[in-house]
Amino acid sequence: MRKITIAIDGYSSTGKSTVAKQLADWLEYIYVDTGAMYRAITLFAMRNKIIAPETFQVERLIETLPNVTVEFKRNNATGNAEIFLNGQNVEREIRTLEVSEFVSPIATVPEVRKKLVQQQQEIGKEKGVVMDGRDIGTVVFPGAELKIFMNASAETRAKRRYEELLGRGDTVSFDDVLRNVVERDRIDTTREDSPLRKADDAIEIDNSEMNLEDQFHTILQLAKDRIAGRV
């Protein structure tokens, strides 16, 4: 059976990572969460006081990038790939609302995107990969055999994110989460370098009213069709 590249793009909190992991598991493909990579760089910038509510030292970030390593390692207990920043597991730390506040500004920096895109392309050069993010089908893998663009209303996405954070034990308000979702949409779609947009040949899926099972089977069938050579 031939292997293909599956690119899943879309707005924040549309469930890209969830369905990408499901697909990778079912197909026995490599899964890459590119959002986690940008979040790791963001956490680095926060820890080093490069970015904060009132400041963003872009030049300092660019200068320190050669010293930043971001990689995935398999957790043998769970079977999942987890993100490591300079050798430290930061899988939990990168999922906070605080990191979410700054990840979109960090992702606008061309040098950051160049560093991570090169790494992503290297991971996927042998195909058999499912990758989700903001520019996978437009920049990282423009030749991907299957491109999905996921969407949902801002309120629906905020509710999902809010419930996820509460489930982790974080103390957050729904209004703050909704504000973050709307602001990230604005930054992601208006940045100069690789803005979030639907690739011309991507299939758009609005999952506002879809449950996880229906969403998975819809996208899995699309993947099966492409693997079999059916368009």
Protein backbone atom coordinates (compact mmCIF):
# COMPACT_ATOMS: atom_id res chain seq x y z
CA MET A 1 0.00 0.00 0.00
CA ARG A 2 1.46 3.35 -1.01
CA LYS A 3 2.04 6.02 1.61
CA ILE A 4 0.90 9.62 1.28
CA THR A 5 1.35 12.92 3.06
CA ILE A 6 -1.69 14.27 4.91
CA ALA A 7 -1.73 17.98 5.73
CA ILE A 8 -4.31 19.25 8.21
CA ASP A 9 -4.60 23.00 8.62
CA GLY A 10 -7.15 25.22 10.29
CA TYR A 11 -8.00 27.62 13.06
CA SER A 12 -7.01 27.10 16.69
CA SER A 13 -9.04 24.63 18.75
CA THR A 14 -10.72 22.98 15.75
CA GLY A 15 -9.49 19.56 16.83
CA LYS A 16 -6.69 19.30 14.26
CA SER A 17 -4.34 17.47 16.61
CA THR A 18 -7.03 15.06 17.81
CA VAL A 19 -8.01 13.85 14.35
CA ALA A 20 -4.40 13.90 13.13
CA LYS A 21 -3.38 11.57 15.97
CA GLN A 22 -6.34 9.29 15.24
CA LEU A 23 -5.44 9.11 11.55
CA ALA A 24 -1.77 8.45 12.25
CA ASP A 25 -2.64 5.65 14.67
CA TRP A 26 -5.09 4.01 12.25
CA LEU A 27 -2.81 4.32 9.23
CA GLU A 28 0.37 3.59 11.23
CA TYR A 29 1.82 6.90 10.03
CA ILE A 30 4.11 9.37 11.79
CA TYR A 31 2.20 12.17 13.52
CA VAL A 32 3.74 15.63 13.91
CA ASP A 33 2.08 18.34 16.00
CA THR A 34 3.63 21.49 14.53
CA GLY A 35 1.66 23.67 16.92
CA ALA A 36 3.56 22.07 19.80
CA MET A 37 6.81 23.11 18.13
CA TYR A 38 5.75 26.77 18.02
CA ARG A 39 4.49 26.51 21.58
CA ALA A 40 7.88 25.18 22.71
CA ILE A 41 9.65 28.16 21.14
CA THR A 42 7.09 30.40 22.85
CA LEU A 43 7.77 28.79 26.22
CA PHE A 44 11.49 29.35 25.68
CA ALA A 45 10.86 33.03 24.94
CA MET A 46 8.68 33.40 28.04
CA ARG A 47 11.20 31.70 30.31
CA ASN A 48 13.95 33.97 29.05
CA LYS A 49 11.88 37.17 29.36
CA ILE A 50 11.98 37.66 25.60
CA ILE A 51 8.22 38.01 25.39
CA ALA A 52 5.81 39.32 28.03
CA PRO A 53 2.55 41.31 28.07
CA GLU A 54 4.33 44.61 27.44
CA THR A 55 7.38 43.54 25.45
CA PHE A 56 8.61 41.33 22.63
CA GLN A 57 12.36 41.38 21.95
CA VAL A 58 12.30 39.98 18.43
CA GLU A 59 15.97 40.53 17.69
CA ARG A 60 16.98 38.76 20.90
CA LEU A 61 14.78 35.82 19.98
CA ILE A 62 16.40 35.60 16.55
CA GLU A 63 19.87 35.73 18.11
CA THR A 64 19.11 32.90 20.52
CA LEU A 65 17.32 30.57 18.06
CA PRO A 66 20.50 28.63 17.15
CA ASN A 67 20.67 27.56 20.80
CA VAL A 68 17.09 26.23 20.87
CA THR A 69 16.37 22.59 20.12
CA VAL A 70 12.83 21.27 19.70
CA GLU A 71 12.24 17.55 19.21
CA PHE A 72 9.67 14.83 19.71
CA LYS A 73 10.33 11.73 21.79
CA ARG A 74 8.06 8.74 22.24
CA ASN A 75 6.58 8.19 25.69
CA ASN A 76 6.78 4.42 26.06
CA ALA A 77 4.11 4.40 28.75
CA THR A 78 1.45 6.15 26.64
CA GLY A 79 2.75 5.47 23.14
CA ASN A 80 2.47 9.18 22.33
CA ALA A 81 5.16 11.50 20.99
CA GLU A 82 5.88 14.33 23.43
CA ILE A 83 7.66 17.63 22.85
CA PHE A 84 11.07 18.36 24.35
CA LEU A 85 12.65 21.82 24.63
CA ASN A 86 16.43 21.72 24.97
CA GLY A 87 16.19 18.20 26.31
CA GLN A 88 13.35 18.85 28.78
CA ASN A 89 9.85 17.40 28.45
CA VAL A 90 7.52 20.42 28.25
CA GLU A 91 4.39 18.66 26.96
CA ARG A 92 2.23 19.96 29.80
CA GLU A 93 3.79 23.42 30.15
CA ILE A 94 3.15 24.37 26.51
CA ARG A 95 -0.63 23.75 26.78
CA THR A 96 -1.42 26.61 29.17
CA LEU A 97 -3.47 29.69 28.31
CA GLU A 98 -0.41 31.82 29.08
CA VAL A 99 1.53 30.16 26.28
CA SER A 100 -1.52 30.46 24.01
CA GLU A 101 -1.47 34.23 24.57
CA PHE A 102 1.96 34.55 22.95
CA VAL A 103 2.26 31.71 20.45
CA SER A 104 0.74 33.61 17.51
CA PRO A 105 3.15 36.59 17.82
CA ILE A 106 6.08 34.17 18.06
CA ALA A 107 4.83 32.38 14.92
CA THR A 108 4.91 35.64 12.93
CA VAL A 109 8.72 35.79 13.15
CA PRO A 110 10.10 34.59 9.76
CA GLU A 111 13.25 33.14 11.32
CA VAL A 112 11.20 30.99 13.67
CA ARG A 113 9.03 29.71 10.85
CA LYS A 114 12.05 28.99 8.65
CA LYS A 115 13.74 26.98 11.39
CA LEU A 116 10.68 24.87 12.14
CA VAL A 117 9.50 24.43 8.53
CA GLN A 118 12.89 22.99 7.59
CA GLN A 119 12.62 20.55 10.49
CA GLN A 120 9.05 19.61 9.54
CA GLN A 121 9.98 18.99 5.91
CA GLU A 122 12.86 16.77 6.98
CA ILE A 123 10.54 14.68 9.16
CA GLY A 124 8.05 14.19 6.32
CA LYS A 125 10.31 13.63 3.35
CA GLU A 126 9.66 9.87 3.30
CA LYS A 127 5.86 10.34 3.32
CA GLY A 128 3.64 8.26 5.59
CA VAL A 129 3.09 11.33 7.76
CA VAL A 130 0.14 13.24 9.19
CA MET A 131 1.01 16.81 10.08
CA ASP A 132 -1.26 19.52 11.46
CA GLY A 133 -0.72 23.25 11.81
CA ARG A 134 -1.45 26.55 10.08
CA ASP A 135 0.61 26.35 6.87
CA ILE A 136 1.18 22.65 6.23
CA GLY A 137 -0.77 22.45 2.97
CA THR A 138 0.34 25.87 1.73
CA VAL A 139 4.04 26.04 2.75
CA VAL A 140 5.41 22.90 4.40
CA PHE A 141 3.89 20.31 2.05
CA PRO A 142 2.21 22.09 -0.88
CA GLY A 143 2.32 18.79 -2.77
CA ALA A 144 0.53 16.76 -0.09
CA GLU A 145 -1.84 14.18 -1.55
CA LEU A 146 -4.55 15.06 0.97
CA LYS A 147 -5.13 18.51 2.41
CA ILE A 148 -7.78 19.21 5.02
CA PHE A 149 -8.79 22.65 6.29
CA MET A 150 -10.72 22.56 9.55
CA ASN A 151 -13.05 25.27 10.76
CA ALA A 152 -15.66 25.94 13.46
CA SER A 153 -17.24 29.00 15.02
CA ALA A 154 -15.12 30.98 17.48
CA GLU A 155 -17.63 30.31 20.28
CA THR A 156 -17.56 26.56 19.65
CA ARG A 157 -13.79 26.50 19.64
CA ALA A 158 -13.55 28.60 22.78
CA LYS A 159 -15.96 26.27 24.59
CA ARG A 160 -13.83 23.25 23.65
CA ARG A 161 -10.63 24.94 24.78
CA TYR A 162 -12.24 26.18 27.99
CA GLU A 163 -13.43 22.70 28.92
CA GLU A 164 -10.02 21.25 28.09
CA LEU A 165 -8.25 23.72 30.38
CA LEU A 166 -10.72 23.17 33.20
CA GLY A 167 -10.20 19.44 32.83
CA ARG A 168 -6.47 19.99 33.33
CA GLY A 169 -7.18 21.85 36.56
CA ASP A 170 -6.35 25.32 35.19
CA THR A 171 -8.20 28.36 36.52
CA VAL A 172 -9.51 30.30 33.53
CA SER A 173 -12.60 32.23 32.46
CA PHE A 174 -14.57 31.53 29.29
CA ASP A 175 -14.35 35.18 28.25
CA ASP A 176 -10.55 35.08 28.43
CA VAL A 177 -10.44 31.92 26.35
CA LEU A 178 -12.81 33.36 23.74
CA ARG A 179 -10.79 36.55 23.55
CA ASN A 180 -7.64 34.49 23.03
CA VAL A 181 -9.25 32.45 20.24
CA VAL A 182 -10.44 35.57 18.39
CA GLU A 183 -7.08 37.32 18.77
CA ARG A 184 -5.16 34.28 17.56
CA ASP A 185 -7.41 34.10 14.50
CA ARG A 186 -6.64 37.74 13.73
CA ILE A 187 -2.89 37.32 14.06
CA ASP A 188 -2.74 33.98 12.24
CA THR A 189 -4.70 35.23 9.22
CA THR A 190 -3.01 38.63 8.87
CA ARG A 191 0.67 37.87 9.45
CA GLU A 192 2.94 38.61 6.49
CA ASP A 193 4.85 35.32 6.54
CA SER A 194 2.74 32.23 5.73
CA PRO A 195 -0.65 33.50 6.92
CA LEU A 196 -3.33 30.95 7.76
CA ARG A 197 -5.40 30.29 4.66
CA LYS A 198 -7.12 27.39 2.97
CA ALA A 199 -5.05 25.85 0.20
CA ASP A 200 -6.82 25.91 -3.16
CA ASP A 201 -6.98 22.11 -3.27
CA ALA A 202 -7.83 21.57 0.40
CA ILE A 203 -11.13 20.07 1.54
CA GLU A 204 -12.79 22.28 4.15
CA ILE A 205 -14.54 20.62 7.07
CA ASP A 206 -16.64 22.68 9.49
CA ASN A 207 -16.95 20.52 12.59
CA SER A 208 -19.06 22.91 14.68
CA GLU A 209 -21.84 20.31 14.76
CA MET A 210 -19.75 17.14 14.36
CA ASN A 211 -18.74 14.73 17.09
CA LEU A 212 -15.24 13.26 17.19
CA GLU A 213 -16.28 9.89 15.77
CA ASP A 214 -18.07 11.37 12.75
CA GLN A 215 -15.20 13.74 12.12
CA PHE A 216 -12.64 10.94 12.22
CA HIS A 217 -14.54 8.62 9.88
CA THR A 218 -15.19 11.43 7.41
CA ILE A 219 -11.49 12.28 7.16
CA LEU A 220 -10.38 8.65 7.30
CA GLN A 221 -12.51 7.88 4.23
CA LEU A 222 -10.90 10.80 2.40
CA ALA A 223 -7.48 9.41 3.31
CA LYS A 224 -8.41 5.89 2.15
CA ASP A 225 -9.61 7.30 -1.18
CA ARG A 226 -6.36 9.19 -1.76
CA ILE A 227 -4.20 6.23 -0.75
CA ALA A 228 -6.12 4.08 -3.23
CA GLY A 229 -5.67 6.73 -5.92
CA ARG A 230 -9.31 7.80 -5.93
CA VAL A 231 -9.81 11.57 -6.08
